[in-house]
Protein backbone atom coordinates (compact mmCIF):
# COMPACT_ATOMS: atom_id res chain seq x y z
CA MET A 1 118.67 106.56 107.22
CA ASP A 2 120.46 103.27 105.74
CA VAL A 3 120.21 101.75 102.30
CA THR A 4 116.89 100.03 102.73
CA GLN A 5 114.84 102.52 103.87
CA ILE A 6 116.33 104.53 100.63
CA GLY A 7 115.36 101.88 98.61
CA LEU A 8 111.66 101.17 99.81
CA GLY A 9 111.34 105.32 99.46
CA VAL A 10 112.39 105.10 95.79
CA THR A 11 110.15 101.87 95.44
CA LEU A 12 107.10 103.88 96.74
CA LEU A 13 107.61 106.63 94.70
CA VAL A 14 108.30 104.35 91.38
CA ILE A 15 104.93 102.43 91.84
CA GLY A 16 102.65 105.50 93.20
CA ALA A 17 103.81 107.63 89.88
CA LEU A 18 103.07 104.42 87.83
CA THR A 19 99.81 104.71 89.37
CA LEU A 20 98.91 107.99 88.31
CA VAL A 21 99.90 107.04 84.95
CA GLY A 22 99.04 103.51 84.65
CA PRO A 23 95.80 101.46 83.62
CA ALA A 24 93.81 101.84 87.24
CA ALA A 25 93.61 105.82 86.29
CA LEU A 26 91.76 104.79 83.21
CA VAL A 27 89.27 102.64 85.11
CA THR A 28 88.88 104.67 88.01
CA GLY A 29 87.64 107.97 89.26
CA PRO A 30 89.69 110.92 90.22
CA LEU A 31 89.77 109.53 93.94
CA VAL A 32 92.95 107.48 92.61
CA TYR A 33 94.78 110.71 91.66
CA LEU A 34 93.91 112.44 94.99
CA VAL A 35 95.09 109.00 96.65
CA ALA A 36 98.33 108.35 94.50
CA GLY A 37 99.37 112.16 94.94
CA ALA A 38 98.97 112.50 98.50
CA THR A 39 100.82 109.44 98.83
CA LEU A 40 103.47 110.60 96.79
CA LEU A 41 104.27 113.97 98.32
CA ILE A 42 103.96 111.99 101.82
CA THR A 43 106.62 109.91 100.87
CA GLY A 44 108.58 112.14 99.16
CA TYR A 45 108.96 114.50 101.81
CA ALA A 46 109.64 111.66 104.56
CA LEU A 47 112.54 110.62 102.10
CA LEU A 48 113.68 114.16 102.12
CA VAL A 49 113.38 114.79 106.05
CA GLY A 50 114.98 111.36 106.50
CA LEU A 51 117.77 111.94 104.24
CA TRP A 52 118.45 115.39 105.08
CA GLN A 53 118.61 114.22 109.04
CA SER A 54 120.96 111.54 108.32
CA ARG A 55 123.66 114.20 107.24
CA GLN A 56 123.09 116.04 110.43
CA PRO A 57 125.58 115.40 113.21
CA ASN A 58 123.40 114.67 116.09
C-alpha cells in the first residue's frame, strides 16, 4: 500500500465515524447505523489487510 491508499482508508474511517455520531444519525433510522457500521468494518479490515500485506516480503 502506498501513502495515497492509506490516506483514503483513514479518510473513509473518519467519515464513517462522523456519520455514526453526526446529525444524519438523528434524522434517519437504524439503517444508517447498520450501513455506516458495515462500511467502517469493511474499510478497517481492508486497511489492516493492506498494511499487513505491504510489510510481508513477496
